[in-house]
N, C-alpha and C. Protein backbone atom coordinates (compact mmCIF):
# COMPACT_ATOMS: atom_id res chain seq x y z
N MET A 1 -0.26 8.75 -9.51
CA MET A 1 -0.52 8.24 -8.16
C MET A 1 -2.00 8.46 -7.86
N GLN A 2 -2.69 7.39 -7.54
CA GLN A 2 -4.09 7.47 -7.13
C GLN A 2 -4.18 7.28 -5.63
N PHE A 3 -4.97 8.11 -4.98
CA PHE A 3 -5.17 8.00 -3.54
C PHE A 3 -6.50 7.30 -3.31
N TYR A 4 -6.43 6.11 -2.72
CA TYR A 4 -7.58 5.23 -2.64
C TYR A 4 -8.34 5.24 -1.32
N SER A 5 -7.64 5.39 -0.23
CA SER A 5 -8.36 5.33 1.04
C SER A 5 -7.86 6.40 1.99
N ARG A 6 -8.71 6.70 2.94
CA ARG A 6 -8.40 7.72 3.94
C ARG A 6 -8.60 7.13 5.32
N LYS A 7 -7.78 7.58 6.25
CA LYS A 7 -7.87 7.11 7.64
C LYS A 7 -7.85 8.30 8.58
N LEU A 8 -8.74 8.30 9.55
CA LEU A 8 -8.77 9.29 10.61
C LEU A 8 -7.89 8.80 11.74
N ILE A 9 -6.95 9.62 12.19
CA ILE A 9 -6.05 9.23 13.27
C ILE A 9 -6.79 9.37 14.59
N LYS A 10 -6.93 8.23 15.29
CA LYS A 10 -7.66 8.18 16.56
C LYS A 10 -6.68 7.90 17.71
N PRO A 11 -7.13 8.07 18.95
CA PRO A 11 -6.23 7.86 20.09
C PRO A 11 -5.51 6.51 20.08
N GLY A 12 -6.19 5.45 19.67
CA GLY A 12 -5.58 4.11 19.64
C GLY A 12 -4.51 3.94 18.58
N ASP A 13 -4.37 4.92 17.68
CA ASP A 13 -3.38 4.86 16.60
C ASP A 13 -2.07 5.55 16.96
N LEU A 14 -2.00 6.12 18.17
CA LEU A 14 -0.86 6.95 18.55
C LEU A 14 0.22 6.17 19.29
N ASN A 15 1.45 6.67 19.19
CA ASN A 15 2.57 6.10 19.92
C ASN A 15 2.80 6.89 21.22
N ALA A 16 3.88 6.61 21.92
CA ALA A 16 4.18 7.28 23.19
C ALA A 16 4.46 8.76 23.01
N ASN A 17 4.75 9.18 21.79
CA ASN A 17 5.00 10.59 21.49
C ASN A 17 3.72 11.33 21.07
N ASN A 18 2.59 10.62 21.14
CA ASN A 18 1.29 11.17 20.72
C ASN A 18 1.23 11.54 19.24
N THR A 19 2.00 10.81 18.44
CA THR A 19 1.91 10.92 16.99
C THR A 19 1.55 9.55 16.45
N LEU A 20 1.19 9.50 15.17
CA LEU A 20 0.78 8.23 14.56
C LEU A 20 1.86 7.17 14.70
N PHE A 21 1.50 6.03 15.24
CA PHE A 21 2.39 4.88 15.40
C PHE A 21 2.71 4.32 14.01
N GLY A 22 4.01 4.23 13.70
CA GLY A 22 4.44 3.76 12.39
C GLY A 22 3.92 2.38 12.04
N GLY A 23 3.84 1.50 13.03
CA GLY A 23 3.33 0.15 12.78
C GLY A 23 1.88 0.16 12.34
N GLN A 24 1.09 1.07 12.89
CA GLN A 24 -0.32 1.18 12.49
C GLN A 24 -0.41 1.65 11.04
N LEU A 25 0.41 2.63 10.70
CA LEU A 25 0.41 3.14 9.33
C LEU A 25 0.84 2.04 8.35
N LEU A 26 1.85 1.27 8.71
CA LEU A 26 2.29 0.18 7.83
C LEU A 26 1.21 -0.89 7.68
N LYS A 27 0.45 -1.13 8.72
CA LYS A 27 -0.67 -2.07 8.64
C LYS A 27 -1.70 -1.58 7.63
N TRP A 28 -2.03 -0.30 7.70
CA TRP A 28 -3.00 0.28 6.75
C TRP A 28 -2.47 0.20 5.32
N ILE A 29 -1.19 0.51 5.14
CA ILE A 29 -0.59 0.47 3.80
C ILE A 29 -0.62 -0.96 3.26
N ASP A 30 -0.22 -1.93 4.06
CA ASP A 30 -0.19 -3.33 3.62
C ASP A 30 -1.59 -3.79 3.22
N GLU A 31 -2.58 -3.43 4.01
CA GLU A 31 -3.96 -3.81 3.69
C GLU A 31 -4.42 -3.16 2.39
N GLU A 32 -4.20 -1.87 2.25
CA GLU A 32 -4.64 -1.16 1.05
C GLU A 32 -3.91 -1.66 -0.19
N ALA A 33 -2.60 -1.86 -0.08
CA ALA A 33 -1.82 -2.37 -1.22
C ALA A 33 -2.25 -3.80 -1.57
N GLY A 34 -2.57 -4.60 -0.57
CA GLY A 34 -3.05 -5.96 -0.83
C GLY A 34 -4.37 -5.96 -1.59
N ILE A 35 -5.28 -5.09 -1.19
CA ILE A 35 -6.56 -4.98 -1.89
C ILE A 35 -6.33 -4.52 -3.34
N TYR A 36 -5.43 -3.57 -3.49
CA TYR A 36 -5.10 -3.07 -4.84
C TYR A 36 -4.52 -4.20 -5.70
N ALA A 37 -3.61 -4.99 -5.12
CA ALA A 37 -3.03 -6.13 -5.85
C ALA A 37 -4.11 -7.14 -6.23
N MET A 38 -5.00 -7.43 -5.29
CA MET A 38 -6.11 -8.36 -5.58
C MET A 38 -6.94 -7.88 -6.76
N SER A 39 -7.26 -6.59 -6.77
CA SER A 39 -8.10 -6.05 -7.84
C SER A 39 -7.38 -6.07 -9.19
N LYS A 40 -6.09 -5.82 -9.19
CA LYS A 40 -5.33 -5.82 -10.45
C LYS A 40 -5.08 -7.23 -10.98
N LEU A 41 -4.92 -8.20 -10.07
CA LEU A 41 -4.62 -9.58 -10.49
C LEU A 41 -5.86 -10.46 -10.55
N ASP A 42 -7.01 -9.93 -10.20
CA ASP A 42 -8.27 -10.70 -10.18
C ASP A 42 -8.15 -11.97 -9.35
N ASN A 43 -7.50 -11.84 -8.19
CA ASN A 43 -7.33 -12.98 -7.30
C ASN A 43 -7.26 -12.46 -5.87
N HIS A 44 -8.05 -13.03 -4.98
CA HIS A 44 -8.00 -12.58 -3.59
C HIS A 44 -6.87 -13.24 -2.81
N ARG A 45 -6.12 -14.11 -3.47
CA ARG A 45 -4.98 -14.76 -2.82
C ARG A 45 -3.68 -14.12 -3.28
N VAL A 46 -3.28 -13.09 -2.56
CA VAL A 46 -1.99 -12.45 -2.80
C VAL A 46 -1.31 -12.30 -1.45
N VAL A 47 0.01 -12.31 -1.46
CA VAL A 47 0.76 -12.14 -0.21
C VAL A 47 1.84 -11.08 -0.41
N THR A 48 2.14 -10.37 0.66
CA THR A 48 3.21 -9.38 0.63
C THR A 48 4.54 -10.11 0.57
N LYS A 49 5.35 -9.78 -0.42
CA LYS A 49 6.66 -10.40 -0.58
C LYS A 49 7.77 -9.49 -0.07
N TYR A 50 7.63 -8.17 -0.34
CA TYR A 50 8.76 -7.28 -0.07
C TYR A 50 8.27 -5.84 0.05
N MET A 51 8.89 -5.11 0.96
CA MET A 51 8.74 -3.66 1.03
C MET A 51 10.14 -3.08 1.07
N SER A 52 10.40 -2.12 0.21
CA SER A 52 11.71 -1.47 0.20
C SER A 52 11.84 -0.54 1.41
N GLU A 53 12.90 0.22 1.42
CA GLU A 53 13.11 1.17 2.51
C GLU A 53 11.86 2.03 2.71
N ILE A 54 11.48 2.17 3.97
CA ILE A 54 10.33 2.97 4.34
C ILE A 54 10.85 4.31 4.83
N ASN A 55 10.43 5.38 4.17
CA ASN A 55 10.95 6.70 4.48
C ASN A 55 9.89 7.51 5.22
N PHE A 56 10.05 7.64 6.55
CA PHE A 56 9.14 8.47 7.34
C PHE A 56 9.61 9.91 7.20
N ILE A 57 8.79 10.75 6.59
CA ILE A 57 9.16 12.13 6.30
C ILE A 57 8.60 13.10 7.33
N SER A 58 7.36 12.90 7.71
CA SER A 58 6.75 13.76 8.72
C SER A 58 5.78 12.92 9.54
N SER A 59 5.26 13.49 10.59
CA SER A 59 4.36 12.74 11.46
C SER A 59 2.92 13.21 11.28
N ALA A 60 2.02 12.47 11.86
CA ALA A 60 0.60 12.83 11.89
C ALA A 60 0.16 12.74 13.34
N LYS A 61 -0.86 13.50 13.67
CA LYS A 61 -1.33 13.50 15.05
C LYS A 61 -2.82 13.19 15.10
N GLN A 62 -3.32 13.03 16.30
CA GLN A 62 -4.74 12.71 16.49
C GLN A 62 -5.60 13.74 15.76
N ALA A 63 -6.63 13.25 15.12
CA ALA A 63 -7.62 14.02 14.35
C ALA A 63 -7.15 14.38 12.94
N ASP A 64 -5.88 14.11 12.60
CA ASP A 64 -5.45 14.28 11.22
C ASP A 64 -6.11 13.20 10.38
N VAL A 65 -6.27 13.49 9.09
CA VAL A 65 -6.77 12.50 8.15
C VAL A 65 -5.66 12.28 7.13
N VAL A 66 -5.28 11.01 6.95
CA VAL A 66 -4.25 10.68 5.98
C VAL A 66 -4.87 9.91 4.82
N GLU A 67 -4.24 10.02 3.67
CA GLU A 67 -4.71 9.26 2.51
C GLU A 67 -3.54 8.46 1.95
N ILE A 68 -3.88 7.25 1.49
CA ILE A 68 -2.88 6.30 1.00
C ILE A 68 -2.93 6.27 -0.52
N GLY A 69 -1.79 6.59 -1.13
CA GLY A 69 -1.70 6.58 -2.58
C GLY A 69 -0.83 5.45 -3.08
N LEU A 70 -1.26 4.83 -4.17
CA LEU A 70 -0.52 3.72 -4.77
C LEU A 70 -0.40 3.94 -6.27
N ALA A 71 0.73 3.54 -6.81
CA ALA A 71 0.94 3.62 -8.25
C ALA A 71 1.60 2.33 -8.73
N PHE A 72 1.06 1.77 -9.79
CA PHE A 72 1.64 0.57 -10.41
C PHE A 72 3.04 0.88 -10.89
N GLN A 73 3.97 -0.09 -10.68
CA GLN A 73 5.35 0.07 -11.13
C GLN A 73 5.79 -1.01 -12.10
N ASP A 74 5.51 -2.27 -11.75
CA ASP A 74 6.08 -3.36 -12.54
C ASP A 74 5.24 -4.61 -12.39
N LEU A 75 5.43 -5.51 -13.31
CA LEU A 75 4.71 -6.78 -13.31
C LEU A 75 5.69 -7.90 -13.61
N GLY A 76 5.72 -8.92 -12.74
CA GLY A 76 6.53 -10.10 -12.98
C GLY A 76 5.61 -11.25 -13.38
N ILE A 77 6.16 -12.44 -13.44
CA ILE A 77 5.36 -13.61 -13.82
C ILE A 77 4.33 -13.95 -12.73
N THR A 78 4.75 -13.86 -11.47
CA THR A 78 3.83 -14.14 -10.35
C THR A 78 3.61 -12.91 -9.48
N SER A 79 4.28 -11.80 -9.79
CA SER A 79 4.26 -10.65 -8.87
C SER A 79 3.75 -9.36 -9.52
N ILE A 80 3.42 -8.42 -8.64
CA ILE A 80 3.05 -7.07 -9.05
C ILE A 80 3.69 -6.11 -8.05
N THR A 81 4.16 -4.98 -8.55
CA THR A 81 4.90 -4.03 -7.72
C THR A 81 4.26 -2.65 -7.79
N PHE A 82 4.18 -2.00 -6.63
CA PHE A 82 3.62 -0.66 -6.51
C PHE A 82 4.59 0.26 -5.80
N ARG A 83 4.32 1.55 -5.91
CA ARG A 83 4.97 2.60 -5.14
C ARG A 83 3.88 3.20 -4.26
N CYS A 84 4.26 3.71 -3.08
CA CYS A 84 3.27 4.21 -2.13
C CYS A 84 3.69 5.56 -1.56
N VAL A 85 2.71 6.44 -1.42
CA VAL A 85 2.87 7.71 -0.72
C VAL A 85 1.67 7.88 0.19
N VAL A 86 1.94 8.26 1.44
CA VAL A 86 0.86 8.60 2.36
C VAL A 86 1.04 10.07 2.70
N ARG A 87 -0.06 10.80 2.63
CA ARG A 87 0.01 12.24 2.91
C ARG A 87 -1.18 12.69 3.75
N ASN A 88 -1.02 13.85 4.37
CA ASN A 88 -2.10 14.48 5.11
C ASN A 88 -3.09 15.02 4.08
N ILE A 89 -4.35 14.68 4.22
CA ILE A 89 -5.34 15.06 3.21
C ILE A 89 -5.54 16.56 3.10
N PHE A 90 -5.36 17.28 4.20
CA PHE A 90 -5.62 18.72 4.16
C PHE A 90 -4.37 19.53 3.79
N SER A 91 -3.25 19.24 4.40
CA SER A 91 -2.02 20.00 4.12
C SER A 91 -1.27 19.46 2.90
N LYS A 92 -1.59 18.23 2.49
CA LYS A 92 -0.90 17.52 1.40
C LYS A 92 0.56 17.22 1.75
N LYS A 93 0.92 17.39 3.01
CA LYS A 93 2.28 17.10 3.47
C LYS A 93 2.52 15.59 3.45
N THR A 94 3.61 15.15 2.83
CA THR A 94 3.92 13.72 2.76
C THR A 94 4.34 13.21 4.14
N ILE A 95 3.79 12.07 4.51
CA ILE A 95 4.09 11.45 5.80
C ILE A 95 5.08 10.30 5.61
N ILE A 96 4.88 9.51 4.57
CA ILE A 96 5.73 8.35 4.34
C ILE A 96 5.79 8.07 2.85
N THR A 97 6.94 7.54 2.40
CA THR A 97 7.05 7.03 1.04
C THR A 97 7.67 5.63 1.10
N ILE A 98 7.22 4.79 0.19
CA ILE A 98 7.80 3.45 0.01
C ILE A 98 7.96 3.28 -1.50
N ASP A 99 9.19 3.13 -1.94
CA ASP A 99 9.46 3.05 -3.38
C ASP A 99 8.98 1.75 -4.01
N LYS A 100 8.95 0.68 -3.22
CA LYS A 100 8.60 -0.61 -3.82
C LYS A 100 7.88 -1.51 -2.82
N ILE A 101 6.66 -1.94 -3.20
CA ILE A 101 5.92 -2.94 -2.44
C ILE A 101 5.57 -4.04 -3.44
N VAL A 102 6.01 -5.26 -3.16
CA VAL A 102 5.80 -6.38 -4.08
C VAL A 102 4.82 -7.38 -3.46
N PHE A 103 3.83 -7.75 -4.26
CA PHE A 103 2.89 -8.81 -3.88
C PHE A 103 3.02 -9.96 -4.85
N VAL A 104 2.79 -11.17 -4.33
CA VAL A 104 2.88 -12.38 -5.15
C VAL A 104 1.51 -13.04 -5.20
N ASN A 105 1.15 -13.45 -6.39
CA ASN A 105 -0.09 -14.18 -6.65
C ASN A 105 0.11 -15.64 -6.21
N VAL A 106 -0.78 -16.16 -5.36
CA VAL A 106 -0.62 -17.53 -4.86
C VAL A 106 -1.90 -18.34 -5.06
N ASP A 107 -1.73 -19.66 -5.00
CA ASP A 107 -2.87 -20.57 -5.11
C ASP A 107 -3.41 -20.91 -3.72
N LYS A 108 -4.35 -21.86 -3.65
CA LYS A 108 -4.98 -22.23 -2.37
C LYS A 108 -3.99 -22.74 -1.34
N GLU A 109 -2.88 -23.30 -1.80
CA GLU A 109 -1.87 -23.83 -0.88
C GLU A 109 -0.81 -22.78 -0.53
N GLY A 110 -0.94 -21.58 -1.07
CA GLY A 110 0.03 -20.53 -0.78
C GLY A 110 1.26 -20.56 -1.66
N LYS A 111 1.21 -21.33 -2.73
CA LYS A 111 2.34 -21.45 -3.66
C LYS A 111 2.22 -20.38 -4.75
N ALA A 112 3.34 -19.72 -5.06
CA ALA A 112 3.34 -18.71 -6.11
C ALA A 112 2.93 -19.33 -7.44
N VAL A 113 2.01 -18.65 -8.12
CA VAL A 113 1.53 -19.11 -9.42
C VAL A 113 1.45 -17.92 -10.37
N PRO A 114 1.66 -18.17 -11.67
CA PRO A 114 1.56 -17.08 -12.65
C PRO A 114 0.17 -16.45 -12.62
N HIS A 115 0.12 -15.15 -12.76
CA HIS A 115 -1.17 -14.45 -12.77
C HIS A 115 -1.73 -14.27 -14.17
N ARG A 116 -0.91 -14.44 -15.17
CA ARG A 116 -1.28 -14.36 -16.58
C ARG A 116 -1.82 -12.99 -17.00
N LYS A 117 -1.39 -11.95 -16.30
CA LYS A 117 -1.77 -10.58 -16.67
C LYS A 117 -0.63 -9.94 -17.45
N THR A 118 -0.97 -8.97 -18.27
CA THR A 118 0.03 -8.19 -18.99
C THR A 118 0.03 -6.77 -18.44
N ILE A 119 1.06 -6.02 -18.76
CA ILE A 119 1.11 -4.62 -18.33
C ILE A 119 -0.08 -3.88 -18.92
N GLN A 120 -0.47 -4.21 -20.14
CA GLN A 120 -1.61 -3.56 -20.77
C GLN A 120 -2.89 -3.86 -19.99
N ASP A 121 -3.03 -5.11 -19.49
CA ASP A 121 -4.20 -5.46 -18.66
C ASP A 121 -4.25 -4.58 -17.43
N ILE A 122 -3.11 -4.43 -16.76
CA ILE A 122 -3.04 -3.69 -15.51
C ILE A 122 -3.29 -2.20 -15.74
N LYS A 123 -2.62 -1.64 -16.70
CA LYS A 123 -2.76 -0.20 -16.97
C LYS A 123 -4.14 0.15 -17.52
N GLY A 124 -4.75 -0.78 -18.21
CA GLY A 124 -6.08 -0.54 -18.76
C GLY A 124 -7.18 -0.56 -17.73
N MET A 125 -6.87 -1.05 -16.51
CA MET A 125 -7.89 -1.18 -15.47
C MET A 125 -8.05 0.08 -14.63
N SER A 126 -7.14 1.06 -14.76
CA SER A 126 -7.10 2.26 -13.91
C SER A 126 -7.50 1.99 -12.52
């Protein structure tokens, strides 16, 4: 699992309970995973196809710093799949896990197209 980006929890990121709003965290995860998919598939046209069960394990509060970790899982003809963990950077306490996030490689019209990558291509890119 590589941790690629960090986010500082600010007042605008909080819910009514004064903890990190889950929707904000999912937005950050989707963006980070999308960038990761783009870099692995060498195409800036990828779309989120699927997210498996989202497991909220603990919360984060204002001034906490979280880091988003992604790990390659699988490769389809048009798709790429990752696993995700978000944790507090200082305590290392897990905040959320997502077992499967799938992105699809698309063309200019948004139609799924083969990416022509192999698992060796993906794993060799670290």
